[in-house]
Amino acid sequence: MRAVIYEGAGGPEVITIGEVPKPEVRPEHIRVRVHAAGVNRADLIQRRGHYAAPSGWPADIPGLEYAGEVEAVRPGVTQWRVGDRVMGLVGGGAQAEFVAVHQNEALPIPAGLSYEEAAAIPEVFLTAYDALATRGRLQARERVLIHAAGSGLGTAASQIAKQLGATVIGTSRSSDKLARALIYGLDTGIDTSRTPFRDALGEPVDVVLDVLGGPALADNLAILAPRGRLVLLGFLAGSQADVDLGPVLRKRLEVIGTVMRTRGLEERIPLVREFGSRMLPLFEPRFGQPAVLRPVLERTYPMTQLADAHRVLEGNATFGKVVVTW
C-alpha cells in the first residue's frame, strides 16, 4: 500500500509517498481503507523529529485520524462489517491507504457527511470533549476561555462547550477568525493582537482550555475563579514558565495536563464509547433542524500535496481543519 513517510527530520521537503506492507488485522481488529485523513500539529512536530509515535503504532507513518470504509475484519469483530463507513483516532499510521484499529476504537461516520468532513472530527472533537467534559468538568452556566478559538480544536471546543451550556469566550490574534467563530458557539472573542486576554476578560472564568503553554500560565491562573480548572493541551508558545503559584493555593485551582496520543485502549475505548453516545448523534440533522455539531473544514489537499498542507498549517492562517485525501 501507499503511505506517507518522513525521510528524516526536517521541513516539509522530507515528506514522501512510499510503498509499505498492509497492516495485519489482529483478532477483534478491523482494517480500514482510508479515504481521508486529518492533518494536525502533532504531525508537524513529528516531522521535525520531536514527537515519536507511541509503542504499538507505526513509527514511520504519520497521521492521527482517519475516515474510510472497513476493508477486512477478524474473528471477534461484532460491531462492523466490510463496507461500513468509519472514522477514528489513532496513535499513528492514518496517512496511509490502510490502517488497522481495534473495533471499539472506531466510530460510525454520521449520515450525510463526506469522508473529508468525517476526517475533520476525531482528533479535535474527542480531544475537546475529553478536555472540557471529563478533565475540566465543565458545567452549564459556567464560563470557559478557549485559547486559539479559530483552530480546529478551538472550533470543536466552542461547539461542545456551548452544547454543555457554558458561556464561551475565545482568544485569537485574528479578528477575522473570531468573527467566523461566532457561528460555532463563541459568545465573546478577544483579539490578543490588540489587548492581552487578562485585561480584556472582565469576569473570571471557571475553565481555561489552553494550548499556549508557559508564557500564558500566569495570566491563565490569574483569570480563573476560585476552584477553577486549567486544562493544558499544548505548548505552542513554549513550555517554560516563571510563575507565582500562590493563586493555585489561594483559589484552590486545578492544573490538569492531558494528551490523547499516548493513551492505551483502556482509556481510549471508554472515551470513544461516551463520545459516541453523547455527542455523535449531534452531527446529524434532526426534526428538520440542522446538525448541532459541525466539522469545520478549511482546506482539502491530495495526499501527494501533503507538504503544502503542512506549510499552510505552519502559517497559522487556517480556520478549522486541514484534511488530505487519497
Protein backbone atom coordinates (compact mmCIF):
# COMPACT_ATOMS: atom_id res chain seq x y z
CA MET A 1 0.00 0.00 0.00
CA ARG A 2 0.99 3.64 -0.34
CA ALA A 3 1.81 5.60 2.78
CA VAL A 4 3.30 8.90 3.84
CA ILE A 5 6.86 8.53 5.08
CA TYR A 6 9.18 11.12 6.60
CA GLU A 7 12.68 10.73 5.14
CA GLY A 8 14.41 12.03 8.24
CA ALA A 9 13.65 15.04 10.42
CA GLY A 10 13.21 18.45 8.86
CA GLY A 11 10.89 20.67 6.89
CA PRO A 12 8.06 19.71 4.53
CA GLU A 13 10.63 18.62 1.96
CA VAL A 14 11.21 15.36 3.92
CA ILE A 15 7.64 14.19 3.19
CA THR A 16 7.43 11.37 0.64
CA ILE A 17 4.94 8.73 -0.52
CA GLY A 18 6.30 5.18 -0.41
CA GLU A 19 5.20 1.55 -0.64
CA VAL A 20 4.88 -0.37 2.63
CA PRO A 21 3.12 -3.63 3.64
CA LYS A 22 -0.55 -3.52 4.61
CA PRO A 23 -1.06 -3.60 8.38
CA GLU A 24 -2.02 -7.01 9.77
CA VAL A 25 -5.51 -7.46 11.18
CA ARG A 26 -5.35 -8.96 14.66
CA PRO A 27 -8.30 -10.59 16.44
CA GLU A 28 -11.02 -8.08 17.38
CA HIS A 29 -9.48 -5.59 14.94
CA ILE A 30 -10.61 -4.19 11.62
CA ARG A 31 -8.66 -2.86 8.68
CA VAL A 32 -9.93 0.38 7.16
CA ARG A 33 -9.35 1.64 3.65
CA VAL A 34 -8.53 5.29 4.34
CA HIS A 35 -10.19 7.83 2.08
CA ALA A 36 -9.28 10.96 4.07
CA ALA A 37 -7.04 11.85 6.99
CA GLY A 38 -6.70 14.93 9.16
CA VAL A 39 -3.50 16.94 9.41
CA ASN A 40 -2.56 18.02 12.93
CA ARG A 41 0.21 19.97 14.60
CA ALA A 42 1.42 16.71 16.09
CA ASP A 43 2.27 15.62 12.53
CA LEU A 44 4.39 18.75 12.09
CA ILE A 45 6.21 18.18 15.36
CA GLN A 46 6.82 14.52 14.50
CA ARG A 47 8.18 15.58 11.10
CA ARG A 48 10.71 17.79 12.88
CA GLY A 49 11.85 14.77 14.91
CA HIS A 50 10.36 15.72 18.28
CA TYR A 51 7.22 13.58 18.70
CA ALA A 52 7.73 9.88 18.11
CA ALA A 53 4.73 7.61 17.74
CA PRO A 54 3.84 5.64 20.89
CA SER A 55 4.55 1.93 21.15
CA GLY A 56 2.22 -0.23 19.08
CA TRP A 57 1.70 2.30 16.27
CA PRO A 58 3.71 2.73 13.05
CA ALA A 59 6.90 4.60 13.84
CA ASP A 60 7.41 5.89 10.29
CA ILE A 61 3.85 6.69 9.09
CA PRO A 62 2.23 9.84 10.50
CA GLY A 63 -1.46 10.62 10.91
CA LEU A 64 -3.69 10.67 13.99
CA GLU A 65 -7.17 10.44 12.46
CA TYR A 66 -8.83 8.77 9.52
CA ALA A 67 -12.13 8.34 7.71
CA GLY A 68 -12.81 5.41 5.39
CA GLU A 69 -14.56 2.10 4.92
CA VAL A 70 -14.00 -1.26 6.58
CA GLU A 71 -11.97 -3.46 4.23
CA ALA A 72 -11.34 -6.51 6.44
CA VAL A 73 -12.48 -7.91 9.80
CA ARG A 74 -11.09 -10.63 12.05
CA PRO A 75 -12.76 -13.13 14.38
CA GLY A 76 -14.32 -11.49 17.41
CA VAL A 77 -15.46 -8.40 15.50
CA THR A 78 -19.16 -7.89 16.19
CA GLN A 79 -19.68 -4.18 15.52
CA TRP A 80 -18.59 -3.80 11.91
CA ARG A 81 -18.97 -5.38 8.50
CA VAL A 82 -16.93 -4.92 5.35
CA GLY A 83 -18.08 -1.72 3.64
CA ASP A 84 -19.14 0.15 6.79
CA ARG A 85 -18.14 3.83 6.87
CA VAL A 86 -15.99 4.55 9.92
CA MET A 87 -13.73 7.21 11.38
CA GLY A 88 -11.44 7.30 14.36
CA LEU A 89 -8.44 8.46 16.33
CA VAL A 90 -5.15 6.54 16.28
CA GLY A 91 -1.64 6.88 17.67
CA GLY A 92 -0.16 7.00 14.17
CA GLY A 93 -0.38 5.48 10.72
CA ALA A 94 -3.55 7.20 9.48
CA GLN A 95 -1.87 8.80 6.47
CA ALA A 96 -1.72 5.51 4.61
CA GLU A 97 -4.10 3.70 2.31
CA PHE A 98 -4.99 1.29 5.12
CA VAL A 99 -4.96 1.43 8.90
CA ALA A 100 -5.78 -1.34 11.40
CA VAL A 101 -7.63 -0.50 14.62
CA HIS A 102 -9.46 -2.23 17.44
CA GLN A 103 -13.16 -2.48 16.66
CA ASN A 104 -14.08 -0.46 19.75
CA GLU A 105 -11.91 2.50 18.72
CA ALA A 106 -13.85 3.19 15.54
CA LEU A 107 -16.93 5.39 15.25
CA PRO A 108 -19.59 5.35 12.53
CA ILE A 109 -19.48 8.29 10.16
CA PRO A 110 -22.67 10.34 10.68
CA ALA A 111 -25.12 10.18 7.81
CA GLY A 112 -24.72 12.95 5.29
CA LEU A 113 -21.05 13.66 5.99
CA SER A 114 -18.36 13.13 3.37
CA TYR A 115 -15.13 11.30 4.16
CA GLU A 116 -13.35 14.65 4.11
CA GLU A 117 -15.74 16.12 6.68
CA ALA A 118 -15.54 12.99 8.82
CA ALA A 119 -11.74 13.14 8.87
CA ALA A 120 -12.03 16.59 10.46
CA ILE A 121 -13.84 15.20 13.50
CA PRO A 122 -11.93 12.60 15.60
CA GLU A 123 -8.81 14.40 16.85
CA VAL A 124 -10.32 17.77 17.70
CA PHE A 125 -13.78 16.73 18.86
CA LEU A 126 -12.65 13.80 21.01
CA THR A 127 -9.84 15.91 22.48
CA ALA A 128 -12.18 18.83 23.15
CA TYR A 129 -14.87 16.63 24.70
CA ASP A 130 -12.36 14.88 26.94
CA ALA A 131 -10.73 18.18 27.97
CA LEU A 132 -13.98 20.03 28.70
CA ALA A 133 -16.44 17.41 29.91
CA THR A 134 -14.14 14.85 31.54
CA ARG A 135 -10.97 16.66 32.66
CA GLY A 136 -12.39 20.16 33.06
CA ARG A 137 -15.82 19.04 34.36
CA LEU A 138 -17.42 22.00 32.59
CA GLN A 139 -20.99 22.58 33.75
CA ALA A 140 -23.96 24.54 32.46
CA ARG A 141 -23.84 28.27 33.29
CA GLU A 142 -20.06 28.18 33.85
CA ARG A 143 -17.66 30.37 31.85
CA VAL A 144 -14.90 28.86 29.75
CA LEU A 145 -11.97 30.53 27.98
CA ILE A 146 -10.71 28.74 24.87
CA HIS A 147 -7.36 29.84 23.50
CA ALA A 148 -6.80 29.74 19.71
CA ALA A 149 -10.55 29.74 19.11
CA GLY A 150 -10.13 29.66 15.32
CA SER A 151 -8.10 26.45 15.26
CA GLY A 152 -9.54 23.02 14.60
CA LEU A 153 -9.52 22.29 18.32
CA GLY A 154 -10.88 25.73 19.14
CA THR A 155 -13.86 25.47 16.80
CA ALA A 156 -14.68 21.99 18.12
CA ALA A 157 -14.30 23.06 21.76
CA SER A 158 -16.53 26.11 21.28
CA GLN A 159 -19.31 23.94 19.87
CA ILE A 160 -19.05 21.35 22.64
CA ALA A 161 -18.84 23.97 25.39
CA LYS A 162 -21.97 25.65 24.05
CA GLN A 163 -23.73 22.28 23.94
CA LEU A 164 -22.76 21.77 27.60
CA GLY A 165 -24.50 25.05 28.43
CA ALA A 166 -21.44 27.19 29.13
CA THR A 167 -20.66 30.79 28.21
CA VAL A 168 -17.84 30.60 25.68
CA ILE A 169 -15.03 33.16 25.39
CA GLY A 170 -12.24 32.67 22.88
CA THR A 171 -8.90 34.24 22.03
CA SER A 172 -7.15 34.69 18.70
CA ARG A 173 -4.66 37.06 17.13
CA SER A 174 -7.04 37.40 14.19
CA SER A 175 -10.25 39.42 14.39
CA ASP A 176 -11.44 37.67 11.23
CA LYS A 177 -11.14 34.24 12.87
CA LEU A 178 -13.02 35.48 15.92
CA ALA A 179 -15.83 36.79 13.73
CA ARG A 180 -16.08 33.46 11.91
CA ALA A 181 -16.04 31.55 15.21
CA LEU A 182 -19.24 33.24 16.36
CA ILE A 183 -21.33 30.80 14.33
CA TYR A 184 -19.63 27.86 16.06
CA GLY A 185 -20.64 28.65 19.63
CA LEU A 186 -18.34 31.52 20.55
CA ASP A 187 -20.11 34.18 22.64
CA THR A 188 -17.24 36.66 23.01
CA GLY A 189 -13.94 36.98 21.19
CA ILE A 190 -10.73 38.59 22.45
CA ASP A 191 -8.26 39.80 19.83
CA THR A 192 -4.95 39.30 21.63
CA SER A 193 -3.07 41.20 18.91
CA ARG A 194 -4.71 44.31 20.38
CA THR A 195 -5.38 43.57 24.05
CA PRO A 196 -3.97 40.94 26.44
CA PHE A 197 -6.72 38.46 27.33
CA ARG A 198 -6.19 39.07 31.04
CA ASP A 199 -7.04 42.75 30.60
CA ALA A 200 -9.97 42.20 28.24
CA LEU A 201 -11.72 39.37 30.04
CA GLY A 202 -13.60 41.16 32.81
CA GLU A 203 -15.18 38.46 34.97
CA PRO A 204 -13.20 35.35 35.97
CA VAL A 205 -13.79 32.03 34.19
CA ASP A 206 -14.32 28.56 35.61
CA VAL A 207 -12.35 26.61 32.99
CA VAL A 208 -9.46 27.55 30.69
CA LEU A 209 -8.62 25.35 27.69
CA ASP A 210 -5.01 26.21 26.87
CA VAL A 211 -2.67 25.27 24.03
CA LEU A 212 -0.24 28.16 24.53
CA GLY A 213 1.74 26.84 27.49
CA GLY A 214 4.31 28.53 29.69
CA PRO A 215 4.07 32.20 28.64
CA ALA A 216 0.30 32.20 29.27
CA LEU A 217 0.39 30.29 32.56
CA ALA A 218 0.46 33.24 34.98
CA ASP A 219 -2.41 35.01 33.24
CA ASN A 220 -4.41 31.79 32.99
CA LEU A 221 -4.11 31.29 36.75
CA ALA A 222 -5.00 34.92 37.39
CA ILE A 223 -8.27 34.83 35.44
CA LEU A 224 -9.59 31.61 36.98
CA ALA A 225 -12.37 31.84 39.52
CA PRO A 226 -11.99 30.04 42.87
CA ARG A 227 -11.90 26.26 42.30
CA GLY A 228 -11.31 26.85 38.60
CA ARG A 229 -9.67 24.33 36.28
CA LEU A 230 -6.86 24.95 33.79
CA VAL A 231 -6.70 22.16 31.21
CA LEU A 232 -3.34 22.22 29.45
CA LEU A 233 -3.24 20.63 25.99
CA GLY A 234 -0.11 22.04 24.40
CA PHE A 235 2.85 24.43 24.40
CA LEU A 236 2.56 26.40 21.16
CA ALA A 237 4.15 29.44 22.82
CA GLY A 238 6.72 27.44 24.82
CA SER A 239 6.87 25.00 27.73
CA GLN A 240 8.82 27.12 30.25
CA ALA A 241 7.28 29.48 32.82
CA ASP A 242 8.44 31.59 35.74
CA VAL A 243 5.22 32.00 37.69
CA ASP A 244 3.87 32.72 41.16
CA LEU A 245 1.94 29.62 42.25
CA GLY A 246 0.16 31.48 45.03
CA PRO A 247 -3.16 31.64 43.14
CA VAL A 248 -3.23 27.84 42.89
CA LEU A 249 -3.38 27.57 46.67
CA ARG A 250 -5.43 30.66 47.45
CA LYS A 251 -8.14 29.83 44.92
CA ARG A 252 -7.87 26.00 45.17
CA LEU A 253 -7.17 25.77 41.47
CA GLU A 254 -6.50 22.63 39.43
CA VAL A 255 -3.89 22.47 36.68
CA ILE A 256 -4.68 19.44 34.54
CA GLY A 257 -2.35 18.18 31.84
CA THR A 258 -3.66 15.85 29.18
CA VAL A 259 -2.59 14.29 25.88
CA MET A 260 -4.56 11.89 23.71
CA ARG A 261 -1.92 10.18 21.60
CA THR A 262 -0.18 8.10 24.27
CA ARG A 263 -3.32 6.64 25.84
CA GLY A 264 -3.87 2.90 25.73
CA LEU A 265 -7.03 1.02 24.81
CA GLU A 266 -8.19 1.01 28.41
CA GLU A 267 -8.56 4.80 28.22
CA ARG A 268 -9.41 5.27 24.55
CA ILE A 269 -12.32 2.86 24.36
CA PRO A 270 -14.39 4.38 27.22
CA LEU A 271 -13.87 7.85 25.74
CA VAL A 272 -14.95 6.71 22.27
CA ARG A 273 -17.98 4.96 23.76
CA GLU A 274 -19.07 8.01 25.78
CA PHE A 275 -18.47 10.43 22.91
CA GLY A 276 -20.32 8.14 20.53
CA SER A 277 -23.33 8.01 22.82
CA ARG A 278 -23.43 11.63 23.93
CA MET A 279 -22.02 13.71 21.07
CA LEU A 280 -22.02 11.74 17.82
CA PRO A 281 -25.81 11.96 17.27
CA LEU A 282 -25.48 15.75 17.29
CA PHE A 283 -23.66 15.65 13.94
CA GLU A 284 -26.86 14.59 12.18
CA PRO A 285 -29.84 16.86 11.37
CA ARG A 286 -32.97 16.04 13.35
CA PHE A 287 -36.62 17.01 13.05
CA GLY A 288 -35.87 19.32 10.13
CA GLN A 289 -33.23 21.23 12.08
CA PRO A 290 -29.54 21.47 11.11
CA ALA A 291 -26.95 19.45 12.98
CA VAL A 292 -25.87 20.88 16.33
CA LEU A 293 -22.21 19.96 15.85
CA ARG A 294 -20.34 20.53 12.58
CA PRO A 295 -16.81 19.72 11.45
CA VAL A 296 -15.04 22.88 10.33
CA LEU A 297 -13.08 22.02 7.20
CA GLU A 298 -10.74 24.76 5.99
CA ARG A 299 -8.95 23.07 3.08
CA THR A 300 -8.53 19.68 1.45
CA TYR A 301 -5.41 18.52 -0.40
CA PRO A 302 -4.49 15.32 -2.26
CA MET A 303 -2.18 13.18 -0.15
CA THR A 304 0.54 13.81 -2.74
CA GLN A 305 0.39 17.51 -1.75
CA LEU A 306 0.75 16.88 1.98
CA ALA A 307 3.83 19.12 2.08
CA ASP A 308 1.65 22.05 1.00
CA ALA A 309 -0.85 21.17 3.74
CA HIS A 310 1.98 21.29 6.30
CA ARG A 311 3.11 24.68 5.06
CA VAL A 312 -0.40 26.10 5.28
CA LEU A 313 -0.88 24.78 8.81
CA GLU A 314 2.50 26.14 9.88
CA GLY A 315 1.49 29.55 8.54
CA ASN A 316 -1.29 29.78 11.16
CA ALA A 317 -3.70 31.25 8.62
CA THR A 318 -6.16 28.35 8.65
CA PHE A 319 -9.58 28.38 10.30
CA GLY A 320 -10.62 24.92 11.40
CA LYS A 321 -9.13 21.74 9.99
CA VAL A 322 -6.90 20.75 7.08
CA VAL A 323 -7.57 17.32 5.53
CA VAL A 324 -5.75 15.20 2.93
CA THR A 325 -7.29 12.56 0.66
CA TRP A 326 -6.21 9.59 -1.41
